PDB file of N, CA and C in Angstrom:
ATOM      1  N   MET A   1       8.307  13.617   5.519  1.00  0.00           N
ATOM      2  CA  MET A   1       7.680  13.521   4.317  1.00  0.00           C
ATOM      3  C   MET A   1       8.093  13.613   3.299  1.00  0.00           C
ATOM      4  N   LEU A   2       7.609  12.829   1.955  1.00  0.00           N
ATOM      5  CA  LEU A   2       8.648  13.000   0.362  1.00  0.00           C
ATOM      6  C   LEU A   2       7.539  13.824   0.146  1.00  0.00           C
ATOM      7  N   GLU A   3       7.411  15.049  -0.954  1.00  0.00           N
ATOM      8  CA  GLU A   3       7.458  15.922  -1.176  1.00  0.00           C
ATOM      9  C   GLU A   3       6.902  15.073  -2.885  1.00  0.00           C
ATOM     10  N   GLY A   4       6.146  15.257  -3.469  1.00  0.00           N
ATOM     11  CA  GLY A   4       5.902  14.735  -5.167  1.00  0.00           C
ATOM     12  C   GLY A   4       4.095  14.416  -5.056  1.00  0.00           C
ATOM     13  N   LYS A   5       3.896  13.691  -6.125  1.00  0.00           N
ATOM     14  CA  LYS A   5       2.990  12.893  -6.769  1.00  0.00           C
ATOM     15  C   LYS A   5       3.200  11.974  -7.316  1.00  0.00           C
ATOM     16  N   ALA A   6       2.264  11.119  -6.692  1.00  0.00           N
ATOM     17  CA  ALA A   6       2.259   8.896  -6.084  1.00  0.00           C
ATOM     18  C   ALA A   6       2.067   8.879  -8.081  1.00  0.00           C
ATOM     19  N   VAL A   7       2.708   7.941  -8.351  1.00  0.00           N
ATOM     20  CA  VAL A   7       2.328   7.176  -9.509  1.00  0.00           C
ATOM     21  C   VAL A   7       2.249   6.458  -9.703  1.00  0.00           C
ATOM     22  N   VAL A   8       0.682   5.797 -10.279  1.00  0.00           N
ATOM     23  CA  VAL A   8       0.161   4.578 -10.065  1.00  0.00           C
ATOM     24  C   VAL A   8       0.546   3.870 -10.585  1.00  0.00           C
ATOM     25  N   MET A   9       1.315   2.482 -10.704  1.00  0.00           N
ATOM     26  CA  MET A   9       1.864   1.545 -11.398  1.00  0.00           C
ATOM     27  C   MET A   9       0.748   0.308 -11.927  1.00  0.00           C
ATOM     28  N   ASP A  10       0.311   0.287 -11.121  1.00  0.00           N
ATOM     29  CA  ASP A  10      -0.890  -1.182 -11.707  1.00  0.00           C
ATOM     30  C   ASP A  10      -1.515  -0.809 -10.501  1.00  0.00           C
ATOM     31  N   THR A  11      -2.593  -1.196 -10.918  1.00  0.00           N
ATOM     32  CA  THR A  11      -3.807  -1.210  -9.964  1.00  0.00           C
ATOM     33  C   THR A  11      -5.813  -1.744 -10.295  1.00  0.00           C
ATOM     34  N   ASP A  12      -6.027  -2.463  -9.518  1.00  0.00           N
ATOM     35  CA  ASP A  12      -7.792  -2.496  -9.777  1.00  0.00           C
ATOM     36  C   ASP A  12      -8.743  -2.358  -8.949  1.00  0.00           C
ATOM     37  N   MET A  13      -8.102  -1.364  -8.278  1.00  0.00           N
ATOM     38  CA  MET A  13      -8.800  -0.648  -6.750  1.00  0.00           C
ATOM     39  C   MET A  13      -9.797   0.810  -7.772  1.00  0.00           C
ATOM     40  N   SER A  14     -11.445   1.055  -6.983  1.00  0.00           N
ATOM     41  CA  SER A  14     -11.473   1.814  -7.353  1.00  0.00           C
ATOM     42  C   SER A  14     -10.756   3.606  -7.076  1.00  0.00           C
ATOM     43  N   LEU A  15     -11.360   4.387  -7.663  1.00  0.00           N
ATOM     44  CA  LEU A  15     -10.706   5.803  -7.961  1.00  0.00           C
ATOM     45  C   LEU A  15     -10.836   5.866  -5.974  1.00  0.00           C
ATOM     46  N   GLU A  16     -12.254   5.993  -5.299  1.00  0.00           N
ATOM     47  CA  GLU A  16     -11.743   6.483  -3.726  1.00  0.00           C
ATOM     48  C   GLU A  16     -10.627   5.527  -3.147  1.00  0.00           C
ATOM     49  N   MET A  17     -10.717   3.836  -3.216  1.00  0.00           N
ATOM     50  CA  MET A  17      -9.863   3.363  -2.445  1.00  0.00           C
ATOM     51  C   MET A  17      -8.376   3.386  -3.193  1.00  0.00           C
ATOM     52  N   GLN A  18      -8.040   3.848  -3.712  1.00  0.00           N
ATOM     53  CA  GLN A  18      -6.921   4.867  -4.549  1.00  0.00           C
ATOM     54  C   GLN A  18      -6.146   5.807  -3.128  1.00  0.00           C
ATOM     55  N   ALA A  19      -7.321   6.728  -3.276  1.00  0.00           N
ATOM     56  CA  ALA A  19      -7.032   7.948  -3.045  1.00  0.00           C
ATOM     57  C   ALA A  19      -6.973   8.252  -1.153  1.00  0.00           C
ATOM     58  N   GLN A  20      -7.156   6.842  -1.176  1.00  0.00           N
ATOM     59  CA  GLN A  20      -7.614   6.389   0.269  1.00  0.00           C
ATOM     60  C   GLN A  20      -6.457   6.027   0.939  1.00  0.00           C
ATOM     61  N   ALA A  21      -5.711   4.878  -0.296  1.00  0.00           N
ATOM     62  CA  ALA A  21      -4.265   4.479  -0.237  1.00  0.00           C
ATOM     63  C   ALA A  21      -3.025   5.450  -0.274  1.00  0.00           C
ATOM     64  N   MET A  22      -3.522   6.937  -0.741  1.00  0.00           N
ATOM     65  CA  MET A  22      -2.405   7.474  -1.038  1.00  0.00           C
ATOM     66  C   MET A  22      -2.972   8.330   0.804  1.00  0.00           C
ATOM     67  N   ALA A  23      -3.475   8.968   0.437  1.00  0.00           N
ATOM     68  CA  ALA A  23      -3.923   9.477   2.093  1.00  0.00           C
ATOM     69  C   ALA A  23      -3.038   8.786   3.583  1.00  0.00           C
ATOM     70  N   PHE A  24      -3.173   7.567   3.334  1.00  0.00           N
ATOM     71  CA  PHE A  24      -2.729   6.343   4.609  1.00  0.00           C
ATOM     72  C   PHE A  24      -1.448   6.795   4.203  1.00  0.00           C
ATOM     73  N   ALA A  25      -0.663   6.830   3.230  1.00  0.00           N
ATOM     74  CA  ALA A  25       0.955   6.634   2.272  1.00  0.00           C
ATOM     75  C   ALA A  25       1.255   8.464   3.295  1.00  0.00           C
ATOM     76  N   SER A  26       0.660   9.176   2.988  1.00  0.00           N
ATOM     77  CA  SER A  26       1.104  10.545   3.290  1.00  0.00           C
ATOM     78  C   SER A  26       0.997  11.294   4.763  1.00  0.00           C
ATOM     79  N   GLN A  27       0.132   9.963   5.189  1.00  0.00           N
ATOM     80  CA  GLN A  27       0.069   9.866   6.905  1.00  0.00           C
ATOM     81  C   GLN A  27       0.950   9.028   8.013  1.00  0.00           C
ATOM     82  N   ALA A  28       1.042   8.183   6.877  1.00  0.00           N
ATOM     83  CA  ALA A  28       2.499   7.810   7.818  1.00  0.00           C
ATOM     84  C   ALA A  28       3.935   7.983   7.390  1.00  0.00           C
ATOM     85  N   LEU A  29       4.033   8.750   6.625  1.00  0.00           N
ATOM     86  CA  LEU A  29       5.224   9.427   5.921  1.00  0.00           C
ATOM     87  C   LEU A  29       5.194  10.664   7.356  1.00  0.00           C
ATOM     88  N   ASP A  30       4.155  11.330   7.808  1.00  0.00           N
ATOM     89  CA  ASP A  30       4.022  12.243   8.567  1.00  0.00           C
ATOM     90  C   ASP A  30       4.648  11.413   9.533  1.00  0.00           C
ATOM     91  N   LEU A  31       4.391  10.294   9.796  1.00  0.00           N
ATOM     92  CA  LEU A  31       4.610   9.960  11.499  1.00  0.00           C
ATOM     93  C   LEU A  31       6.246   9.240  11.442  1.00  0.00           C
ATOM     94  N   TYR A  32       6.984   9.094  10.540  1.00  0.00           N
ATOM     95  CA  TYR A  32       7.760   7.791  10.837  1.00  0.00           C
ATOM     96  C   TYR A  32       8.764   8.679   9.451  1.00  0.00           C
ATOM     97  N   GLU A  33       9.800   7.971   9.675  1.00  0.00           N
ATOM     98  CA  GLU A  33      11.156   8.552   8.948  1.00  0.00           C
ATOM     99  C   GLU A  33      10.717   7.829   7.908  1.00  0.00           C
ATOM    100  N   VAL A  34      11.134   8.015   6.780  1.00  0.00           N
ATOM    101  CA  VAL A  34      11.217   7.690   5.181  1.00  0.00           C
ATOM    102  C   VAL A  34      11.971   5.995   5.273  1.00  0.00           C
ATOM    103  N   PHE A  35      12.631   5.984   5.662  1.00  0.00           N
ATOM    104  CA  PHE A  35      13.578   5.413   5.915  1.00  0.00           C
ATOM    105  C   PHE A  35      12.491   3.934   6.671  1.00  0.00           C
ATOM    106  N   ASP A  36      12.126   3.928   7.659  1.00  0.00           N
ATOM    107  CA  ASP A  36      11.442   3.278   8.614  1.00  0.00           C
ATOM    108  C   ASP A  36       9.898   2.430   7.611  1.00  0.00           C
ATOM    109  N   CYS A  37      10.449   2.414   6.544  1.00  0.00           N
ATOM    110  CA  CYS A  37       9.747   0.924   5.628  1.00  0.00           C
ATOM    111  C   CYS A  37       8.570   0.055   6.450  1.00  0.00           C
ATOM    112  N   LYS A  38       9.578  -0.189   7.389  1.00  0.00           N
ATOM    113  CA  LYS A  38       8.540  -1.936   8.379  1.00  0.00           C
ATOM    114  C   LYS A  38       6.865  -0.957   9.002  1.00  0.00           C
ATOM    115  N   SER A  39       7.463   0.160   9.699  1.00  0.00           N
ATOM    116  CA  SER A  39       6.593   0.422  10.348  1.00  0.00           C
ATOM    117  C   SER A  39       5.160   1.523   9.519  1.00  0.00           C
ATOM    118  N   ILE A  40       6.166   2.571   8.288  1.00  0.00           N
ATOM    119  CA  ILE A  40       5.078   2.603   7.380  1.00  0.00           C
ATOM    120  C   ILE A  40       3.830   1.827   6.607  1.00  0.00           C
ATOM    121  N   ALA A  41       4.450   0.562   6.862  1.00  0.00           N
ATOM    122  CA  ALA A  41       4.005  -0.389   6.238  1.00  0.00           C
ATOM    123  C   ALA A  41       2.813  -1.480   7.025  1.00  0.00           C
ATOM    124  N   ALA A  42       3.363  -1.263   8.591  1.00  0.00           N
ATOM    125  CA  ALA A  42       2.006  -1.643   9.290  1.00  0.00           C
ATOM    126  C   ALA A  42       1.313  -0.794   9.619  1.00  0.00           C
ATOM    127  N   TYR A  43       1.367   0.749   9.928  1.00  0.00           N
ATOM    128  CA  TYR A  43       0.118   1.827   9.341  1.00  0.00           C
ATOM    129  C   TYR A  43      -0.196   1.368   8.513  1.00  0.00           C
ATOM    130  N   ILE A  44      -0.159   1.489   7.307  1.00  0.00           N
ATOM    131  CA  ILE A  44      -1.233   1.688   5.992  1.00  0.00           C
ATOM    132  C   ILE A  44      -1.846   0.773   5.818  1.00  0.00           C
ATOM    133  N   LYS A  45      -1.393  -0.610   6.645  1.00  0.00           N
ATOM    134  CA  LYS A  45      -2.054  -1.853   6.903  1.00  0.00           C
ATOM    135  C   LYS A  45      -3.450  -1.862   8.329  1.00  0.00           C
ATOM    136  N   LYS A  46      -2.637  -1.308   9.035  1.00  0.00           N
ATOM    137  CA  LYS A  46      -3.578  -0.945   9.819  1.00  0.00           C
ATOM    138  C   LYS A  46      -4.871  -0.694   9.634  1.00  0.00           C
ATOM    139  N   GLU A  47      -4.925   0.369   8.504  1.00  0.00           N
ATOM    140  CA  GLU A  47      -5.765   1.745   8.198  1.00  0.00           C
ATOM    141  C   GLU A  47      -6.654   1.556   7.207  1.00  0.00           C
ATOM    142  N   PHE A  48      -6.443   0.338   6.825  1.00  0.00           N
ATOM    143  CA  PHE A  48      -7.280  -0.566   5.883  1.00  0.00           C
ATOM    144  C   PHE A  48      -7.899  -1.714   6.246  1.00  0.00           C
ATOM    145  N   ASP A  49      -7.135  -2.071   7.519  1.00  0.00           N
ATOM    146  CA  ASP A  49      -7.456  -3.084   8.533  1.00  0.00           C
ATOM    147  C   ASP A  49      -9.076  -2.248   8.924  1.00  0.00           C
ATOM    148  N   LYS A  50      -8.990  -1.430   9.724  1.00  0.00           N
ATOM    149  CA  LYS A  50     -10.010  -0.861   9.805  1.00  0.00           C
ATOM    150  C   LYS A  50     -11.134  -0.256   9.520  1.00  0.00           C
ATOM    151  N   MET A  51     -10.761  -0.188   8.331  1.00  0.00           N
ATOM    152  CA  MET A  51     -11.667   0.971   7.102  1.00  0.00           C
ATOM    153  C   MET A  51     -12.390   0.261   6.192  1.00  0.00           C
ATOM    154  N   TYR A  52     -11.592  -1.257   6.097  1.00  0.00           N
ATOM    155  CA  TYR A  52     -12.381  -2.317   4.671  1.00  0.00           C
ATOM    156  C   TYR A  52     -12.172  -3.431   4.606  1.00  0.00           C
ATOM    157  N   GLY A  53     -12.042  -3.623   6.716  1.00  0.00           N
ATOM    158  CA  GLY A  53     -11.652  -5.358   6.876  1.00  0.00           C
ATOM    159  C   GLY A  53     -10.623  -5.716   7.235  1.00  0.00           C
ATOM    160  N   SER A  54     -10.446  -6.957   8.037  1.00  0.00           N
ATOM    161  CA  SER A  54      -8.907  -7.364   8.082  1.00  0.00           C
ATOM    162  C   SER A  54      -8.789  -8.433   6.776  1.00  0.00           C
ATOM    163  N   GLY A  55      -7.653  -8.426   6.512  1.00  0.00           N
ATOM    164  CA  GLY A  55      -7.173  -9.282   5.105  1.00  0.00           C
ATOM    165  C   GLY A  55      -5.928  -8.905   4.281  1.00  0.00           C
ATOM    166  N   TRP A  56      -5.882  -7.117   4.857  1.00  0.00           N
ATOM    167  CA  TRP A  56      -4.520  -6.570   4.152  1.00  0.00           C
ATOM    168  C   TRP A  56      -3.424  -6.849   3.870  1.00  0.00           C
ATOM    169  N   GLN A  57      -2.901  -6.129   3.239  1.00  0.00           N
ATOM    170  CA  GLN A  57      -1.123  -7.176   3.210  1.00  0.00           C
ATOM    171  C   GLN A  57      -0.790  -5.792   2.780  1.00  0.00           C
ATOM    172  N   CYS A  58       0.557  -5.233   2.857  1.00  0.00           N
ATOM    173  CA  CYS A  58       1.421  -3.563   2.749  1.00  0.00           C
ATOM    174  C   CYS A  58       3.026  -4.025   2.349  1.00  0.00           C
ATOM    175  N   VAL A  59       3.497  -3.864   1.339  1.00  0.00           N
ATOM    176  CA  VAL A  59       4.822  -3.950   1.529  1.00  0.00           C
ATOM    177  C   VAL A  59       5.605  -2.583   0.780  1.00  0.00           C
ATOM    178  N   VAL A  60       6.494  -2.178   1.402  1.00  0.00           N
ATOM    179  CA  VAL A  60       6.956  -0.841   1.312  1.00  0.00           C
ATOM    180  C   VAL A  60       8.128  -0.817   1.635  1.00  0.00           C
ATOM    181  N   GLY A  61       8.956  -0.396   0.084  1.00  0.00           N
ATOM    182  CA  GLY A  61      10.637  -0.091   0.435  1.00  0.00           C
ATOM    183  C   GLY A  61      10.563   0.549  -1.347  1.00  0.00           C
ATOM    184  N   THR A  62      11.769   0.265  -1.166  1.00  0.00           N
ATOM    185  CA  THR A  62      12.974   1.255  -2.117  1.00  0.00           C
ATOM    186  C   THR A  62      12.934  -0.462  -3.718  1.00  0.00           C
ATOM    187  N   SER A  63      12.912  -1.508  -3.135  1.00  0.00           N
ATOM    188  CA  SER A  63      13.487  -2.289  -3.939  1.00  0.00           C
ATOM    189  C   SER A  63      12.318  -3.703  -3.556  1.00  0.00           C
ATOM    190  N   PHE A  64      11.889  -4.716  -4.305  1.00  0.00           N
ATOM    191  CA  PHE A  64      11.538  -5.472  -3.671  1.00  0.00           C
ATOM    192  C   PHE A  64      10.212  -6.578  -4.741  1.00  0.00           C
ATOM    193  N   SER A  65      10.547  -7.826  -4.442  1.00  0.00           N
ATOM    194  CA  SER A  65       9.792  -8.456  -5.609  1.00  0.00           C
ATOM    195  C   SER A  65       8.886  -9.567  -5.056  1.00  0.00           C
ATOM    196  N   CYS A  66       7.103  -9.595  -5.160  1.00  0.00           N
ATOM    197  CA  CYS A  66       6.907 -10.126  -5.076  1.00  0.00           C
ATOM    198  C   CYS A  66       5.860 -11.195  -5.442  1.00  0.00           C
ATOM    199  N   PHE A  67       4.584 -11.895  -5.425  1.00  0.00           N
ATOM    200  CA  PHE A  67       4.141 -13.079  -6.154  1.00  0.00           C
ATOM    201  C   PHE A  67       2.503 -13.411  -5.227  1.00  0.00           C
ATOM    202  N   PHE A  68       1.740 -13.197  -5.664  1.00  0.00           N
ATOM    203  CA  PHE A  68       0.423 -13.316  -4.287  1.00  0.00           C
ATOM    204  C   PHE A  68      -0.806 -13.137  -5.411  1.00  0.00           C
ATOM    205  N   THR A  69      -1.852 -13.878  -4.378  1.00  0.00           N
ATOM    206  CA  THR A  69      -2.933 -13.793  -5.050  1.00  0.00           C
ATOM    207  C   THR A  69      -4.636 -12.591  -4.054  1.00  0.00           C
ATOM    208  N   HIS A  70      -5.203 -12.497  -4.435  1.00  0.00           N
ATOM    209  CA  HIS A  70      -5.521 -10.760  -4.112  1.00  0.00           C
ATOM    210  C   HIS A  70      -7.227 -10.703  -4.387  1.00  0.00           C
ATOM    211  N   PHE A  71      -7.909 -10.150  -3.204  1.00  0.00           N
ATOM    212  CA  PHE A  71      -8.928 -10.544  -4.033  1.00  0.00           C
ATOM    213  C   PHE A  71      -9.804  -9.353  -5.128  1.00  0.00           C
ATOM    214  N   LYS A  72      -9.947  -9.221  -6.266  1.00  0.00           N
ATOM    215  CA  LYS A  72     -10.358  -8.309  -7.038  1.00  0.00           C
ATOM    216  C   LYS A  72     -11.146  -7.239  -6.553  1.00  0.00           C
ATOM    217  N   GLY A  73     -10.416  -6.154  -7.213  1.00  0.00           N
ATOM    218  CA  GLY A  73     -10.612  -4.258  -6.565  1.00  0.00           C
ATOM    219  C   GLY A  73     -10.109  -3.869  -5.453  1.00  0.00           C
ATOM    220  N   THR A  74      -8.821  -4.875  -4.983  1.00  0.00           N
ATOM    221  CA  THR A  74      -8.420  -4.827  -3.688  1.00  0.00           C
ATOM    222  C   THR A  74      -6.935  -4.311  -4.177  1.00  0.00           C
ATOM    223  N   PHE A  75      -6.116  -4.161  -5.256  1.00  0.00           N
ATOM    224  CA  PHE A  75      -4.140  -3.890  -5.500  1.00  0.00           C
ATOM    225  C   PHE A  75      -4.462  -2.515  -5.670  1.00  0.00           C
ATOM    226  N   ILE A  76      -3.309  -2.396  -5.343  1.00  0.00           N
ATOM    227  CA  ILE A  76      -3.005  -1.477  -5.758  1.00  0.00           C
ATOM    228  C   ILE A  76      -1.206  -0.949  -5.331  1.00  0.00           C
ATOM    229  N   TYR A  77      -0.732  -1.004  -6.749  1.00  0.00           N
ATOM    230  CA  TYR A  77       1.224  -0.508  -6.524  1.00  0.00           C
ATOM    231  C   TYR A  77       1.804   0.379  -7.125  1.00  0.00           C
ATOM    232  N   TYR A  78       1.954   1.495  -5.975  1.00  0.00           N
ATOM    233  CA  TYR A  78       2.099   2.681  -6.995  1.00  0.00           C
ATOM    234  C   TYR A  78       3.847   3.401  -6.096  1.00  0.00           C
ATOM    235  N   SER A  79       4.493   4.279  -6.831  1.00  0.00           N
ATOM    236  CA  SER A  79       5.587   4.772  -6.072  1.00  0.00           C
ATOM    237  C   SER A  79       4.941   6.356  -5.865  1.00  0.00           C
ATOM    238  N   LEU A  80       6.050   6.896  -4.738  1.00  0.00           N
ATOM    239  CA  LEU A  80       5.807   8.377  -4.225  1.00  0.00           C
ATOM    240  C   LEU A  80       7.380   8.741  -4.274  1.00  0.00           C
ATOM    241  N   GLU A  81       8.041   9.285  -5.079  1.00  0.00           N
ATOM    242  CA  GLU A  81       9.666   9.134  -5.515  1.00  0.00           C
ATOM    243  C   GLU A  81      10.308   8.373  -5.208  1.00  0.00           C
ATOM    244  N   THR A  82      10.528   8.053  -4.133  1.00  0.00           N
ATOM    245  CA  THR A  82      11.651   7.029  -4.763  1.00  0.00           C
ATOM    246  C   THR A  82      11.748   5.500  -3.636  1.00  0.00           C
ATOM    247  N   ILE A  83      10.195   5.371  -3.070  1.00  0.00           N
ATOM    248  CA  ILE A  83       9.580   4.379  -2.308  1.00  0.00           C
ATOM    249  C   ILE A  83       8.532   3.765  -3.020  1.00  0.00           C
ATOM    250  N   ASN A  84       8.659   2.221  -3.081  1.00  0.00           N
ATOM    251  CA  ASN A  84       7.107   1.763  -3.697  1.00  0.00           C
ATOM    252  C   ASN A  84       5.882   1.153  -2.946  1.00  0.00           C
ATOM    253  N   PHE A  85       4.800   1.667  -3.062  1.00  0.00           N
ATOM    254  CA  PHE A  85       4.171   0.792  -1.990  1.00  0.00           C
ATOM    255  C   PHE A  85       2.829  -0.291  -3.113  1.00  0.00           C
ATOM    256  N   LEU A  86       3.013  -1.640  -2.238  1.00  0.00           N
ATOM    257  CA  LEU A  86       2.414  -2.922  -2.475  1.00  0.00           C
ATOM    258  C   LEU A  86       1.152  -3.145  -1.536  1.00  0.00           C
ATOM    259  N   ILE A  87       0.091  -3.095  -2.289  1.00  0.00           N
ATOM    260  CA  ILE A  87      -1.125  -2.640  -1.041  1.00  0.00           C
ATOM    261  C   ILE A  87      -2.163  -3.597  -1.235  1.00  0.00           C
ATOM    262  N   PHE A  88      -3.074  -5.079  -0.771  1.00  0.00           N
ATOM    263  CA  PHE A  88      -3.794  -6.213  -1.677  1.00  0.00           C
ATOM    264  C   PHE A  88      -4.786  -6.525  -0.333  1.00  0.00           C
ATOM    265  N   LYS A  89      -5.983  -7.432  -1.062  1.00  0.00           N
ATOM    266  CA  LYS A  89      -6.541  -8.123   0.135  1.00  0.00           C
ATOM    267  C   LYS A  89      -6.015  -9.240  -0.077  1.00  0.00           C
ATOM    268  N   GLY A  90      -5.051  -9.903   0.718  1.00  0.00           N
ATOM    269  CA  GLY A  90      -5.117 -11.534   0.567  1.00  0.00           C
ATOM    270  C   GLY A  90      -6.317 -12.273  -0.310  1.00  0.00           C
ATOM    271  N   ALA A  91      -5.817 -13.330  -0.690  1.00  0.00           N
ATOM    272  CA  ALA A  91      -7.433 -14.010  -0.655  1.00  0.00           C
ATOM    273  C   ALA A  91      -6.324 -15.679  -1.462  1.00  0.00           C
ATOM    274  N   SER A  92      -7.395 -16.400  -0.380  1.00  0.00           N
ATOM    275  CA  SER A  92      -6.225 -17.978  -0.814  1.00  0.00           C
ATOM    276  C   SER A  92      -6.455 -18.129  -2.344  1.00  0.00           C
ATOM    277  N   SER A  93      -5.495 -19.554  -2.602  1.00  0.00           N
ATOM    278  CA  SER A  93      -5.697 -19.974  -4.369  1.00  0.00           C
ATOM    279  C   SER A  93      -4.824 -21.635  -3.884  1.00  0.00           C
ATOM    280  N   SER A  94      -5.311 -22.032  -4.224  1.00  0.00           N
ATOM    281  CA  SER A  94      -5.134 -23.228  -4.514  1.00  0.00           C
ATOM    282  C   SER A  94      -4.435 -24.401  -5.583  1.00  0.00           C
ATOM    283  N   PHE A  95      -3.212 -25.075  -5.137  1.00  0.00           N
ATOM    284  CA  PHE A  95      -1.666 -25.224  -6.127  1.00  0.00           C
ATOM    285  C   PHE A  95      -2.400 -26.568  -6.446  1.00  0.00           C
TER     286      PHE A  95
END
């Protein structure tokens, strides 16, 4: 488990949902090695799906880029020491 305080870089989630994101990340880090980002992301995604309904996406790692559309109120991007977490509920978009 990483020690330290999470730093939120950007979000439109409620404070309650943000706290839940941090709690799920903490639980995942207790279960998996820090370098097992895929398992950490899968754990967080599944927990969000159970609590808030299906359609959640989660990206975990030290370096990544992304472009996505999300439902309002379902996005958070934060870091915990060297690991970044991106969680959102996907929405369709027409181009």
